[in-house]
Structures are given as C-alpha cells and as structure tokens.
PDB file of all heavy atoms in Angstrom:
ATOM      1  N   MET A   1       7.441   1.490 -28.764  1.00  0.00           N
ATOM      2  CA  MET A   1       6.068   1.473 -28.246  1.00  0.00           C
ATOM      3  C   MET A   1       5.905   2.688 -27.338  1.00  0.00           C
ATOM      4  O   MET A   1       6.234   2.662 -26.159  1.00  0.00           O
ATOM      5  CB  MET A   1       5.790   0.174 -27.487  1.00  0.00           C
ATOM      6  CG  MET A   1       5.447  -0.999 -28.394  1.00  0.00           C
ATOM      7  SD  MET A   1       4.104  -0.663 -29.576  1.00  0.00           S
ATOM      8  CE  MET A   1       2.764  -0.188 -28.480  1.00  0.00           C
ATOM      9  N   ALA A   2       5.397   3.762 -27.912  1.00  0.00           N
ATOM     10  CA  ALA A   2       5.374   5.049 -27.221  1.00  0.00           C
ATOM     11  C   ALA A   2       4.187   5.185 -26.278  1.00  0.00           C
ATOM     12  O   ALA A   2       4.302   5.773 -25.199  1.00  0.00           O
ATOM     13  CB  ALA A   2       5.374   6.180 -28.244  1.00  0.00           C
ATOM     14  N   HIS A   3       3.016   4.675 -26.689  1.00  0.00           N
ATOM     15  CA  HIS A   3       1.788   4.844 -25.902  1.00  0.00           C
ATOM     16  C   HIS A   3       0.908   3.604 -26.064  1.00  0.00           C
ATOM     17  O   HIS A   3       1.047   2.848 -27.028  1.00  0.00           O
ATOM     18  CB  HIS A   3       1.009   6.076 -26.371  1.00  0.00           C
ATOM     19  CG  HIS A   3       1.750   7.369 -26.201  1.00  0.00           C
ATOM     20  ND1 HIS A   3       1.668   8.134 -25.059  1.00  0.00           N
ATOM     21  CD2 HIS A   3       2.581   8.031 -27.052  1.00  0.00           C
ATOM     22  CE1 HIS A   3       2.426   9.215 -25.206  1.00  0.00           C
ATOM     23  NE2 HIS A   3       2.986   9.177 -26.401  1.00  0.00           N
ATOM     24  N   ASP A   4      -0.027   3.449 -25.143  1.00  0.00           N
ATOM     25  CA  ASP A   4      -1.034   2.392 -25.265  1.00  0.00           C
ATOM     26  C   ASP A   4      -2.140   2.817 -26.231  1.00  0.00           C
ATOM     27  O   ASP A   4      -2.771   1.978 -26.859  1.00  0.00           O
ATOM     28  CB  ASP A   4      -1.649   2.076 -23.906  1.00  0.00           C
ATOM     29  CG  ASP A   4      -0.646   1.473 -22.940  1.00  0.00           C
ATOM     30  OD1 ASP A   4       0.293   0.799 -23.417  1.00  0.00           O
ATOM     31  OD2 ASP A   4      -0.785   1.688 -21.715  1.00  0.00           O
ATOM     32  N   SER A   5      -2.376   4.126 -26.317  1.00  0.00           N
ATOM     33  CA  SER A   5      -3.427   4.658 -27.186  1.00  0.00           C
ATOM     34  C   SER A   5      -2.844   5.120 -28.515  1.00  0.00           C
ATOM     35  O   SER A   5      -1.621   5.147 -28.710  1.00  0.00           O
ATOM     36  CB  SER A   5      -4.143   5.824 -26.493  1.00  0.00           C
ATOM     37  OG  SER A   5      -4.618   5.444 -25.225  1.00  0.00           O
ATOM     38  N   ARG A   6      -3.713   5.516 -29.411  1.00  0.00           N
ATOM     39  CA  ARG A   6      -3.318   5.964 -30.743  1.00  0.00           C
ATOM     40  C   ARG A   6      -2.485   7.247 -30.673  1.00  0.00           C
ATOM     41  O   ARG A   6      -2.783   8.161 -29.918  1.00  0.00           O
ATOM     42  CB  ARG A   6      -4.583   6.188 -31.573  1.00  0.00           C
ATOM     43  CG  ARG A   6      -4.373   6.649 -32.998  1.00  0.00           C
ATOM     44  CD  ARG A   6      -5.701   6.649 -33.737  1.00  0.00           C
ATOM     45  NE  ARG A   6      -6.748   7.323 -32.963  1.00  0.00           N
ATOM     46  CZ  ARG A   6      -6.975   8.633 -33.005  1.00  0.00           C
ATOM     47  NH1 ARG A   6      -6.217   9.408 -33.761  1.00  0.00           N
ATOM     48  NH2 ARG A   6      -7.945   9.168 -32.299  1.00  0.00           N
ATOM     49  N   ILE A   7      -1.435   7.327 -31.473  1.00  0.00           N
ATOM     50  CA  ILE A   7      -0.594   8.517 -31.554  1.00  0.00           C
ATOM     51  C   ILE A   7      -1.343   9.612 -32.309  1.00  0.00           C
ATOM     52  O   ILE A   7      -1.899   9.368 -33.383  1.00  0.00           O
ATOM     53  CB  ILE A   7       0.737   8.218 -32.277  1.00  0.00           C
ATOM     54  CG1 ILE A   7       1.478   7.043 -31.609  1.00  0.00           C
ATOM     55  CG2 ILE A   7       1.626   9.467 -32.325  1.00  0.00           C
ATOM     56  CD1 ILE A   7       2.009   7.329 -30.249  1.00  0.00           C
ATOM     57  N   VAL A   8      -1.351  10.822 -31.762  1.00  0.00           N
ATOM     58  CA  VAL A   8      -2.066  11.930 -32.428  1.00  0.00           C
ATOM     59  C   VAL A   8      -1.154  13.097 -32.776  1.00  0.00           C
ATOM     60  O   VAL A   8      -1.549  13.983 -33.532  1.00  0.00           O
ATOM     61  CB  VAL A   8      -3.240  12.442 -31.573  1.00  0.00           C
ATOM     62  CG1 VAL A   8      -4.287  11.360 -31.362  1.00  0.00           C
ATOM     63  CG2 VAL A   8      -2.753  13.014 -30.252  1.00  0.00           C
ATOM     64  N   CYS A   9       0.061  13.133 -32.215  1.00  0.00           N
ATOM     65  CA  CYS A   9       0.948  14.257 -32.492  1.00  0.00           C
ATOM     66  C   CYS A   9       2.405  13.827 -32.300  1.00  0.00           C
ATOM     67  O   CYS A   9       2.708  13.049 -31.387  1.00  0.00           O
ATOM     68  CB  CYS A   9       0.615  15.430 -31.565  1.00  0.00           C
ATOM     69  SG  CYS A   9       1.116  17.037 -32.204  1.00  0.00           S
ATOM     70  N   LEU A  10       3.275  14.357 -33.174  1.00  0.00           N
ATOM     71  CA  LEU A  10       4.702  14.064 -33.135  1.00  0.00           C
ATOM     72  C   LEU A  10       5.494  15.359 -33.274  1.00  0.00           C
ATOM     73  O   LEU A  10       5.033  16.314 -33.894  1.00  0.00           O
ATOM     74  CB  LEU A  10       5.126  13.157 -34.291  1.00  0.00           C
ATOM     75  CG  LEU A  10       4.531  11.770 -34.453  1.00  0.00           C
ATOM     76  CD1 LEU A  10       5.007  11.176 -35.773  1.00  0.00           C
ATOM     77  CD2 LEU A  10       4.969  10.892 -33.294  1.00  0.00           C
ATOM     78  N   ALA A  11       6.697  15.376 -32.708  1.00  0.00           N
ATOM     79  CA  ALA A  11       7.640  16.467 -32.970  1.00  0.00           C
ATOM     80  C   ALA A  11       9.042  15.882 -32.947  1.00  0.00           C
ATOM     81  O   ALA A  11       9.331  14.952 -32.180  1.00  0.00           O
ATOM     82  CB  ALA A  11       7.512  17.579 -31.934  1.00  0.00           C
ATOM     83  N   LEU A  12       9.908  16.435 -33.782  1.00  0.00           N
ATOM     84  CA  LEU A  12      11.278  15.955 -33.904  1.00  0.00           C
ATOM     85  C   LEU A  12      12.203  17.169 -33.846  1.00  0.00           C
ATOM     86  O   LEU A  12      11.885  18.224 -34.408  1.00  0.00           O
ATOM     87  CB  LEU A  12      11.449  15.230 -35.246  1.00  0.00           C
ATOM     88  CG  LEU A  12      12.679  14.361 -35.472  1.00  0.00           C
ATOM     89  CD1 LEU A  12      12.708  13.183 -34.495  1.00  0.00           C
ATOM     90  CD2 LEU A  12      12.696  13.845 -36.910  1.00  0.00           C
ATOM     91  N   THR A  13      13.329  17.039 -33.150  1.00  0.00           N
ATOM     92  CA  THR A  13      14.311  18.125 -33.171  1.00  0.00           C
ATOM     93  C   THR A  13      14.916  18.222 -34.562  1.00  0.00           C
ATOM     94  O   THR A  13      14.852  17.284 -35.359  1.00  0.00           O
ATOM     95  CB  THR A  13      15.420  17.880 -32.135  1.00  0.00           C
ATOM     96  OG1 THR A  13      15.955  16.560 -32.325  1.00  0.00           O
ATOM     97  CG2 THR A  13      14.887  18.009 -30.716  1.00  0.00           C
ATOM     98  N   HIS A  14      15.521  19.389 -34.863  1.00  0.00           N
ATOM     99  CA  HIS A  14      16.072  19.614 -36.200  1.00  0.00           C
ATOM    100  C   HIS A  14      17.100  18.553 -36.584  1.00  0.00           C
ATOM    101  O   HIS A  14      17.204  18.161 -37.742  1.00  0.00           O
ATOM    102  CB  HIS A  14      16.711  21.010 -36.284  1.00  0.00           C
ATOM    103  CG  HIS A  14      15.710  22.109 -36.403  1.00  0.00           C
ATOM    104  ND1 HIS A  14      14.873  22.235 -37.485  1.00  0.00           N
ATOM    105  CD2 HIS A  14      15.398  23.139 -35.576  1.00  0.00           C
ATOM    106  CE1 HIS A  14      14.093  23.283 -37.327  1.00  0.00           C
ATOM    107  NE2 HIS A  14      14.380  23.844 -36.171  1.00  0.00           N
ATOM    108  N   ASP A  15      17.879  18.085 -35.593  1.00  0.00           N
ATOM    109  CA  ASP A  15      18.904  17.079 -35.890  1.00  0.00           C
ATOM    110  C   ASP A  15      18.369  15.655 -35.803  1.00  0.00           C
ATOM    111  O   ASP A  15      19.088  14.701 -36.094  1.00  0.00           O
ATOM    112  CB  ASP A  15      20.109  17.246 -34.967  1.00  0.00           C
ATOM    113  CG  ASP A  15      19.751  17.125 -33.488  1.00  0.00           C
ATOM    114  OD1 ASP A  15      18.591  16.780 -33.175  1.00  0.00           O
ATOM    115  OD2 ASP A  15      20.627  17.381 -32.646  1.00  0.00           O
ATOM    116  N   GLY A  16      17.103  15.503 -35.388  1.00  0.00           N
ATOM    117  CA  GLY A  16      16.508  14.175 -35.365  1.00  0.00           C
ATOM    118  C   GLY A  16      16.879  13.329 -34.164  1.00  0.00           C
ATOM    119  O   GLY A  16      16.538  12.150 -34.108  1.00  0.00           O
ATOM    120  N   ARG A  17      17.533  13.913 -33.163  1.00  0.00           N
ATOM    121  CA  ARG A  17      17.963  13.116 -32.000  1.00  0.00           C
ATOM    122  C   ARG A  17      16.842  12.855 -31.008  1.00  0.00           C
ATOM    123  O   ARG A  17      16.812  11.836 -30.336  1.00  0.00           O
ATOM    124  CB  ARG A  17      19.114  13.803 -31.274  1.00  0.00           C
ATOM    125  CG  ARG A  17      20.400  13.910 -32.056  1.00  0.00           C
ATOM    126  CD  ARG A  17      21.472  14.624 -31.256  1.00  0.00           C
ATOM    127  NE  ARG A  17      20.993  15.937 -30.800  1.00  0.00           N
ATOM    128  CZ  ARG A  17      20.818  16.250 -29.522  1.00  0.00           C
ATOM    129  NH1 ARG A  17      21.058  15.371 -28.584  1.00  0.00           N
ATOM    130  NH2 ARG A  17      20.394  17.454 -29.185  1.00  0.00           N
ATOM    131  N   LEU A  18      15.916  13.829 -30.880  1.00  0.00           N
ATOM    132  CA  LEU A  18      14.863  13.726 -29.880  1.00  0.00           C
ATOM    133  C   LEU A  18      13.495  13.705 -30.541  1.00  0.00           C
ATOM    134  O   LEU A  18      13.242  14.424 -31.515  1.00  0.00           O
ATOM    135  CB  LEU A  18      14.919  14.905 -28.908  1.00  0.00           C
ATOM    136  CG  LEU A  18      16.183  15.073 -28.075  1.00  0.00           C
ATOM    137  CD1 LEU A  18      16.065  16.307 -27.198  1.00  0.00           C
ATOM    138  CD2 LEU A  18      16.464  13.848 -27.239  1.00  0.00           C
ATOM    139  N   LEU A  19      12.609  12.892 -29.988  1.00  0.00           N
ATOM    140  CA  LEU A  19      11.249  12.735 -30.484  1.00  0.00           C
ATOM    141  C   LEU A  19      10.281  12.969 -29.336  1.00  0.00           C
ATOM    142  O   LEU A  19      10.462  12.438 -28.242  1.00  0.00           O
ATOM    143  CB  LEU A  19      11.069  11.315 -31.039  1.00  0.00           C
ATOM    144  CG  LEU A  19       9.631  10.816 -31.255  1.00  0.00           C
ATOM    145  CD1 LEU A  19       8.970  11.578 -32.404  1.00  0.00           C
ATOM    146  CD2 LEU A  19       9.622   9.311 -31.519  1.00  0.00           C
ATOM    147  N   ALA A  20       9.236  13.775 -29.573  1.00  0.00           N
ATOM    148  CA  ALA A  20       8.158  13.960 -28.601  1.00  0.00           C
ATOM    149  C   ALA A  20       6.879  13.375 -29.179  1.00  0.00           C
ATOM    150  O   ALA A  20       6.595  13.547 -30.373  1.00  0.00           O
ATOM    151  CB  ALA A  20       7.966  15.437 -28.283  1.00  0.00           C
ATOM    152  N   THR A  21       6.111  12.689 -28.354  1.00  0.00           N
ATOM    153  CA  THR A  21       4.875  12.046 -28.814  1.00  0.00           C
ATOM    154  C   THR A  21       3.736  12.320 -27.845  1.00  0.00           C
ATOM    155  O   THR A  21       3.945  12.462 -26.636  1.00  0.00           O
ATOM    156  CB  THR A  21       5.052  10.515 -28.933  1.00  0.00           C
ATOM    157  OG1 THR A  21       5.280   9.969 -27.615  1.00  0.00           O
ATOM    158  CG2 THR A  21       6.216  10.154 -29.840  1.00  0.00           C
ATOM    159  N   ALA A  22       2.525  12.371 -28.390  1.00  0.00           N
ATOM    160  CA  ALA A  22       1.316  12.495 -27.574  1.00  0.00           C
ATOM    161  C   ALA A  22       0.288  11.521 -28.121  1.00  0.00           C
ATOM    162  O   ALA A  22       0.209  11.292 -29.333  1.00  0.00           O
ATOM    163  CB  ALA A  22       0.778  13.922 -27.606  1.00  0.00           C
ATOM    164  N   SER A  23      -0.529  10.976 -27.233  1.00  0.00           N
ATOM    165  CA  SER A  23      -1.545  10.008 -27.639  1.00  0.00           C
ATOM    166  C   SER A  23      -2.924  10.645 -27.586  1.00  0.00           C
ATOM    167  O   SER A  23      -3.092  11.805 -27.213  1.00  0.00           O
ATOM    168  CB  SER A  23      -1.511   8.778 -26.735  1.00  0.00           C
ATOM    169  OG  SER A  23      -2.111   9.069 -25.482  1.00  0.00           O
ATOM    170  N   SER A  24      -3.938   9.865 -27.925  1.00  0.00           N
ATOM    171  CA  SER A  24      -5.313  10.362 -27.951  1.00  0.00           C
ATOM    172  C   SER A  24      -5.824  10.715 -26.554  1.00  0.00           C
ATOM    173  O   SER A  24      -6.806  11.436 -26.421  1.00  0.00           O
ATOM    174  CB  SER A  24      -6.228   9.318 -28.602  1.00  0.00           C
ATOM    175  OG  SER A  24      -6.130   8.079 -27.932  1.00  0.00           O
TER     176      SER A  24
END
C-alpha cells in the first residue's frame, strides 16, 4: 500500500531491488 491516492508514476532499479512511486 504505497499511497492513499491513485498511483501515477513508477520507477524500478535495473536489478529490481528498489521501487519509487508517486501518487496523483
């Protein structure tokens, strides 16, 4: 559960270990 609002953007490191998220 990353955010209370809708997810609008994602990014993943090349190895898939880290995830960045932004909401509306």
